[in-house]
């Protein structure tokens, strides 16, 4: 026989749970695999130089993989930063301002990274 002492479960925040946990793990695995692919290309072959880097990133499959990893990094960072703000920043106005700042910063970083990638 269970007793209810009048306590209510309070759910705070949005999007907590399995979806965010899974997104963090999937994006982490993608970033780890990308790191291995990049290290293999850098370690084997000719010495590291600008031309080697340009050659690695001139391949269309590598550009695509890098683009996917950039998006993964941005989503990974967004989920983590958003959860930190939701947990530790209580005033709604400040939290909203930080969310907007983080989104603008991450979009700017994405634009810069993609510009660098396709400039090669």
N, C-alpha and C. Protein backbone atom coordinates (compact mmCIF):
# COMPACT_ATOMS: atom_id res chain seq x y z
N UNK A 1 0.84 -1.16 0.00
CA UNK A 1 0.00 0.00 0.00
C UNK A 1 0.89 1.24 0.00
N UNK A 2 0.68 2.11 -0.98
CA UNK A 2 1.51 3.31 -1.07
C UNK A 2 0.78 4.50 -0.48
N UNK A 3 1.54 5.38 0.05
CA UNK A 3 0.96 6.58 0.65
C UNK A 3 1.42 7.79 -0.16
N UNK A 4 0.50 8.67 -0.41
CA UNK A 4 0.82 9.91 -1.10
C UNK A 4 0.77 11.02 -0.06
N UNK A 5 1.88 11.67 0.14
CA UNK A 5 1.98 12.71 1.15
C UNK A 5 1.70 14.09 0.59
N UNK A 6 1.00 14.14 -0.52
CA UNK A 6 0.65 15.43 -1.09
C UNK A 6 1.77 16.08 -1.87
N UNK A 7 2.82 15.34 -2.16
CA UNK A 7 3.90 15.93 -2.94
C UNK A 7 3.55 15.83 -4.42
N UNK A 8 3.89 16.88 -5.12
CA UNK A 8 3.65 16.92 -6.55
C UNK A 8 4.99 16.95 -7.27
N UNK A 9 5.03 16.28 -8.36
CA UNK A 9 6.23 16.29 -9.19
C UNK A 9 6.19 17.52 -10.07
N UNK A 10 7.23 18.32 -9.98
CA UNK A 10 7.30 19.54 -10.77
C UNK A 10 8.28 19.31 -11.91
N UNK A 11 7.79 19.51 -13.12
CA UNK A 11 8.63 19.36 -14.29
C UNK A 11 8.99 20.75 -14.78
N UNK A 12 10.28 21.01 -14.90
CA UNK A 12 10.72 22.32 -15.37
C UNK A 12 11.52 22.16 -16.64
N UNK A 13 11.57 23.22 -17.40
CA UNK A 13 12.37 23.20 -18.63
C UNK A 13 11.62 22.55 -19.78
N UNK A 14 12.28 22.56 -20.90
CA UNK A 14 11.68 21.97 -22.09
C UNK A 14 12.70 21.07 -22.76
N UNK A 15 12.22 20.04 -23.38
CA UNK A 15 13.03 19.14 -24.20
C UNK A 15 14.07 18.36 -23.42
N UNK A 16 13.87 18.17 -22.14
CA UNK A 16 14.76 17.31 -21.39
C UNK A 16 14.38 15.87 -21.69
N UNK A 17 15.33 14.99 -21.56
CA UNK A 17 14.97 13.60 -21.68
C UNK A 17 15.78 12.83 -22.70
N UNK A 18 15.17 11.76 -23.14
CA UNK A 18 15.84 10.81 -24.02
C UNK A 18 16.29 11.44 -25.33
N UNK A 19 15.48 12.30 -25.92
CA UNK A 19 15.83 12.89 -27.21
C UNK A 19 17.14 13.69 -27.12
N UNK A 20 17.28 14.52 -26.11
CA UNK A 20 18.50 15.31 -25.96
C UNK A 20 19.69 14.43 -25.60
N UNK A 21 19.46 13.46 -24.74
CA UNK A 21 20.53 12.54 -24.37
C UNK A 21 21.03 11.80 -25.61
N UNK A 22 20.10 11.31 -26.42
CA UNK A 22 20.45 10.58 -27.63
C UNK A 22 21.15 11.49 -28.64
N UNK A 23 20.67 12.71 -28.79
CA UNK A 23 21.29 13.67 -29.72
C UNK A 23 22.73 13.94 -29.31
N UNK A 24 22.99 14.11 -28.02
CA UNK A 24 24.35 14.35 -27.55
C UNK A 24 25.26 13.15 -27.86
N UNK A 25 24.75 11.94 -27.68
CA UNK A 25 25.56 10.75 -27.93
C UNK A 25 25.83 10.56 -29.42
N UNK A 26 24.81 10.75 -30.25
CA UNK A 26 24.96 10.56 -31.69
C UNK A 26 25.94 11.59 -32.26
N UNK A 27 25.78 12.85 -31.88
CA UNK A 27 26.70 13.87 -32.39
C UNK A 27 28.12 13.63 -31.88
N UNK A 28 28.27 13.15 -30.66
CA UNK A 28 29.61 12.84 -30.14
C UNK A 28 30.26 11.71 -30.93
N UNK A 29 29.49 10.69 -31.28
CA UNK A 29 30.02 9.59 -32.07
C UNK A 29 30.43 10.08 -33.46
N UNK A 30 29.60 10.92 -34.08
CA UNK A 30 29.94 11.47 -35.39
C UNK A 30 31.24 12.27 -35.33
N UNK A 31 31.39 13.08 -34.30
CA UNK A 31 32.61 13.88 -34.16
C UNK A 31 33.83 12.99 -33.92
N UNK A 32 33.68 11.93 -33.15
CA UNK A 32 34.79 11.01 -32.89
C UNK A 32 35.19 10.29 -34.18
N UNK A 33 34.22 9.81 -34.95
CA UNK A 33 34.52 9.14 -36.21
C UNK A 33 35.22 10.08 -37.19
N UNK A 34 34.74 11.31 -37.25
CA UNK A 34 35.36 12.31 -38.12
C UNK A 34 36.82 12.54 -37.71
N UNK A 35 37.07 12.62 -36.42
CA UNK A 35 38.42 12.82 -35.93
C UNK A 35 39.34 11.68 -36.37
N UNK A 36 38.84 10.45 -36.29
CA UNK A 36 39.63 9.29 -36.72
C UNK A 36 39.91 9.38 -38.22
N UNK A 37 38.89 9.69 -39.02
CA UNK A 37 39.07 9.81 -40.48
C UNK A 37 40.11 10.88 -40.80
N UNK A 38 40.02 12.01 -40.14
CA UNK A 38 40.96 13.10 -40.38
C UNK A 38 42.38 12.72 -39.95
N UNK A 39 42.51 12.10 -38.78
CA UNK A 39 43.83 11.69 -38.31
C UNK A 39 44.48 10.68 -39.25
N UNK A 40 43.71 9.75 -39.76
CA UNK A 40 44.26 8.76 -40.69
C UNK A 40 44.81 9.46 -41.92
N UNK A 41 44.08 10.44 -42.43
CA UNK A 41 44.55 11.17 -43.61
C UNK A 41 45.78 12.01 -43.33
N UNK A 42 45.90 12.54 -42.13
CA UNK A 42 47.03 13.39 -41.78
C UNK A 42 48.27 12.55 -41.46
N UNK A 43 48.08 11.46 -40.75
CA UNK A 43 49.22 10.65 -40.31
C UNK A 43 49.89 9.92 -41.47
N UNK A 44 49.08 9.37 -42.37
CA UNK A 44 49.64 8.59 -43.47
C UNK A 44 49.84 9.46 -44.70
N UNK A 45 50.90 9.17 -45.43
CA UNK A 45 51.16 9.91 -46.66
C UNK A 45 52.24 10.95 -46.47
N UNK A 46 52.13 11.98 -47.28
CA UNK A 46 53.15 13.03 -47.30
C UNK A 46 53.12 13.86 -46.02
N UNK A 47 54.21 14.59 -45.76
CA UNK A 47 54.24 15.44 -44.56
C UNK A 47 53.13 16.50 -44.60
N UNK A 48 52.74 16.94 -43.41
CA UNK A 48 51.65 17.92 -43.31
C UNK A 48 52.12 19.26 -43.86
N UNK A 49 51.32 19.80 -44.74
CA UNK A 49 51.58 21.11 -45.32
C UNK A 49 50.24 21.72 -45.72
N UNK A 50 50.29 22.96 -46.15
CA UNK A 50 49.06 23.61 -46.62
C UNK A 50 48.46 22.83 -47.77
N UNK A 51 49.30 22.34 -48.67
CA UNK A 51 48.81 21.63 -49.85
C UNK A 51 48.16 20.30 -49.49
N UNK A 52 48.69 19.64 -48.46
CA UNK A 52 48.06 18.40 -48.00
C UNK A 52 46.69 18.70 -47.41
N UNK A 53 46.60 19.75 -46.56
CA UNK A 53 45.31 20.12 -45.98
C UNK A 53 44.32 20.50 -47.09
N UNK A 54 44.78 21.29 -48.04
CA UNK A 54 43.90 21.70 -49.15
C UNK A 54 43.46 20.48 -49.94
N UNK A 55 44.35 19.51 -50.11
CA UNK A 55 44.01 18.29 -50.83
C UNK A 55 42.98 17.46 -50.10
N UNK A 56 43.14 17.36 -48.78
CA UNK A 56 42.17 16.60 -47.98
C UNK A 56 40.78 17.21 -48.11
N UNK A 57 40.70 18.52 -47.98
CA UNK A 57 39.38 19.17 -47.97
C UNK A 57 38.87 19.54 -49.36
N UNK A 58 39.64 19.26 -50.40
CA UNK A 58 39.15 19.53 -51.76
C UNK A 58 38.27 18.39 -52.26
N UNK A 59 38.33 17.24 -51.61
CA UNK A 59 37.51 16.10 -52.00
C UNK A 59 36.06 16.34 -51.57
N UNK A 60 35.13 16.07 -52.48
CA UNK A 60 33.72 16.37 -52.19
C UNK A 60 33.19 15.57 -51.00
N UNK A 61 33.58 14.32 -50.86
CA UNK A 61 33.09 13.52 -49.74
C UNK A 61 33.59 14.07 -48.41
N UNK A 62 34.81 14.62 -48.41
CA UNK A 62 35.35 15.19 -47.17
C UNK A 62 34.64 16.50 -46.84
N UNK A 63 34.33 17.29 -47.86
CA UNK A 63 33.56 18.52 -47.61
C UNK A 63 32.20 18.18 -47.03
N UNK A 64 31.54 17.16 -47.58
CA UNK A 64 30.23 16.75 -47.08
C UNK A 64 30.34 16.27 -45.64
N UNK A 65 31.32 15.40 -45.37
CA UNK A 65 31.52 14.89 -44.01
C UNK A 65 31.82 16.02 -43.04
N UNK A 66 32.64 16.97 -43.45
CA UNK A 66 32.97 18.11 -42.60
C UNK A 66 31.73 18.96 -42.34
N UNK A 67 30.91 19.16 -43.36
CA UNK A 67 29.67 19.91 -43.19
C UNK A 67 28.76 19.22 -42.17
N UNK A 68 28.63 17.90 -42.29
CA UNK A 68 27.80 17.14 -41.34
C UNK A 68 28.35 17.29 -39.92
N UNK A 69 29.66 17.26 -39.77
CA UNK A 69 30.27 17.39 -38.45
C UNK A 69 30.10 18.81 -37.90
N UNK A 70 30.18 19.80 -38.77
CA UNK A 70 29.94 21.19 -38.32
C UNK A 70 28.54 21.31 -37.76
N UNK A 71 27.56 20.78 -38.48
CA UNK A 71 26.17 20.82 -38.00
C UNK A 71 26.03 20.03 -36.70
N UNK A 72 26.71 18.89 -36.62
CA UNK A 72 26.67 18.08 -35.39
C UNK A 72 27.25 18.83 -34.21
N UNK A 73 28.38 19.50 -34.43
CA UNK A 73 29.00 20.28 -33.36
C UNK A 73 28.05 21.38 -32.88
N UNK A 74 27.45 22.08 -33.84
CA UNK A 74 26.54 23.17 -33.47
C UNK A 74 25.35 22.65 -32.66
N UNK A 75 24.78 21.54 -33.09
CA UNK A 75 23.64 20.99 -32.35
C UNK A 75 24.08 20.48 -30.99
N UNK A 76 25.23 19.83 -30.93
CA UNK A 76 25.76 19.32 -29.67
C UNK A 76 25.97 20.47 -28.68
N UNK A 77 26.59 21.53 -29.15
CA UNK A 77 26.83 22.70 -28.30
C UNK A 77 25.50 23.33 -27.87
N UNK A 78 24.57 23.47 -28.82
CA UNK A 78 23.29 24.09 -28.49
C UNK A 78 22.56 23.32 -27.39
N UNK A 79 22.48 22.01 -27.50
CA UNK A 79 21.79 21.21 -26.48
C UNK A 79 22.47 21.39 -25.13
N UNK A 80 23.80 21.34 -25.10
CA UNK A 80 24.51 21.49 -23.84
C UNK A 80 24.35 22.87 -23.22
N UNK A 81 24.53 23.90 -24.02
CA UNK A 81 24.42 25.28 -23.51
C UNK A 81 22.99 25.58 -23.09
N UNK A 82 22.03 25.16 -23.90
CA UNK A 82 20.63 25.40 -23.56
C UNK A 82 20.28 24.75 -22.23
N UNK A 83 20.73 23.51 -22.03
CA UNK A 83 20.43 22.83 -20.77
C UNK A 83 21.10 23.52 -19.58
N UNK A 84 22.32 24.01 -19.77
CA UNK A 84 22.99 24.75 -18.69
C UNK A 84 22.20 26.01 -18.36
N UNK A 85 21.79 26.75 -19.38
CA UNK A 85 21.00 27.96 -19.15
C UNK A 85 19.67 27.63 -18.45
N UNK A 86 19.03 26.56 -18.89
CA UNK A 86 17.74 26.18 -18.29
C UNK A 86 17.91 25.78 -16.81
N UNK A 87 19.02 25.14 -16.50
CA UNK A 87 19.24 24.66 -15.14
C UNK A 87 19.72 25.75 -14.18
N UNK A 88 20.54 26.68 -14.67
CA UNK A 88 21.22 27.59 -13.75
C UNK A 88 20.84 29.06 -13.87
N UNK A 89 20.21 29.46 -14.96
CA UNK A 89 19.81 30.87 -15.10
C UNK A 89 18.30 30.94 -14.87
N UNK A 90 17.92 31.45 -13.72
CA UNK A 90 16.49 31.45 -13.35
C UNK A 90 15.70 32.62 -13.91
N UNK A 91 16.23 33.85 -13.96
CA UNK A 91 15.43 34.94 -14.52
C UNK A 91 15.17 34.71 -16.02
N UNK A 92 13.90 34.68 -16.38
CA UNK A 92 13.50 34.32 -17.75
C UNK A 92 14.09 35.28 -18.79
N UNK A 93 14.11 36.57 -18.50
CA UNK A 93 14.63 37.54 -19.46
C UNK A 93 16.10 37.35 -19.75
N UNK A 94 16.88 37.10 -18.71
CA UNK A 94 18.32 36.87 -18.90
C UNK A 94 18.54 35.57 -19.66
N UNK A 95 17.78 34.54 -19.28
CA UNK A 95 17.91 33.25 -19.96
C UNK A 95 17.56 33.37 -21.44
N UNK A 96 16.50 34.09 -21.76
CA UNK A 96 16.12 34.29 -23.15
C UNK A 96 17.20 35.05 -23.91
N UNK A 97 17.75 36.08 -23.29
CA UNK A 97 18.83 36.83 -23.91
C UNK A 97 20.05 35.96 -24.19
N UNK A 98 20.40 35.10 -23.24
CA UNK A 98 21.52 34.19 -23.43
C UNK A 98 21.23 33.17 -24.53
N UNK A 99 19.98 32.69 -24.61
CA UNK A 99 19.60 31.77 -25.69
C UNK A 99 19.77 32.44 -27.05
N UNK A 100 19.28 33.66 -27.16
CA UNK A 100 19.39 34.39 -28.43
C UNK A 100 20.86 34.62 -28.78
N UNK A 101 21.65 35.05 -27.80
CA UNK A 101 23.07 35.27 -28.03
C UNK A 101 23.75 33.98 -28.50
N UNK A 102 23.45 32.86 -27.83
CA UNK A 102 24.07 31.58 -28.20
C UNK A 102 23.69 31.17 -29.62
N UNK A 103 22.43 31.35 -29.98
CA UNK A 103 21.98 31.00 -31.33
C UNK A 103 22.69 31.86 -32.37
N UNK A 104 22.75 33.17 -32.14
CA UNK A 104 23.41 34.07 -33.09
C UNK A 104 24.89 33.70 -33.20
N UNK A 105 25.53 33.45 -32.07
CA UNK A 105 26.95 33.08 -32.08
C UNK A 105 27.17 31.78 -32.85
N UNK A 106 26.35 30.77 -32.60
CA UNK A 106 26.52 29.48 -33.27
C UNK A 106 26.25 29.58 -34.77
N UNK A 107 25.25 30.35 -35.17
CA UNK A 107 24.98 30.55 -36.60
C UNK A 107 26.16 31.27 -37.25
N UNK A 108 26.71 32.26 -36.57
CA UNK A 108 27.89 32.96 -37.08
C UNK A 108 29.08 32.03 -37.22
N UNK A 109 29.30 31.18 -36.24
CA UNK A 109 30.39 30.20 -36.32
C UNK A 109 30.18 29.23 -37.47
N UNK A 110 28.95 28.81 -37.67
CA UNK A 110 28.64 27.90 -38.78
C UNK A 110 28.93 28.57 -40.12
N UNK A 111 28.50 29.81 -40.27
CA UNK A 111 28.75 30.54 -41.51
C UNK A 111 30.23 30.69 -41.77
N UNK A 112 30.99 31.02 -40.74
CA UNK A 112 32.43 31.18 -40.89
C UNK A 112 33.09 29.85 -41.26
N UNK A 113 32.71 28.77 -40.58
CA UNK A 113 33.31 27.46 -40.84
C UNK A 113 33.01 26.99 -42.26
N UNK A 114 31.80 27.19 -42.71
CA UNK A 114 31.42 26.77 -44.05
C UNK A 114 32.13 27.62 -45.09
N UNK A 115 32.27 28.90 -44.82
CA UNK A 115 33.00 29.79 -45.74
C UNK A 115 34.45 29.32 -45.87
N UNK A 116 35.08 29.00 -44.76
CA UNK A 116 36.47 28.52 -44.79
C UNK A 116 36.54 27.20 -45.55
N UNK A 117 35.62 26.31 -45.29
CA UNK A 117 35.62 25.00 -45.92
C UNK A 117 35.49 25.09 -47.43
N UNK A 118 34.58 25.90 -47.92
CA UNK A 118 34.35 25.96 -49.36
C UNK A 118 35.29 26.94 -50.07
N UNK A 119 36.09 27.64 -49.31
CA UNK A 119 37.09 28.53 -49.93
C UNK A 119 38.31 27.73 -50.39
N UNK A 120 38.55 26.60 -49.79
CA UNK A 120 39.73 25.79 -50.14
C UNK A 120 39.70 25.35 -51.58
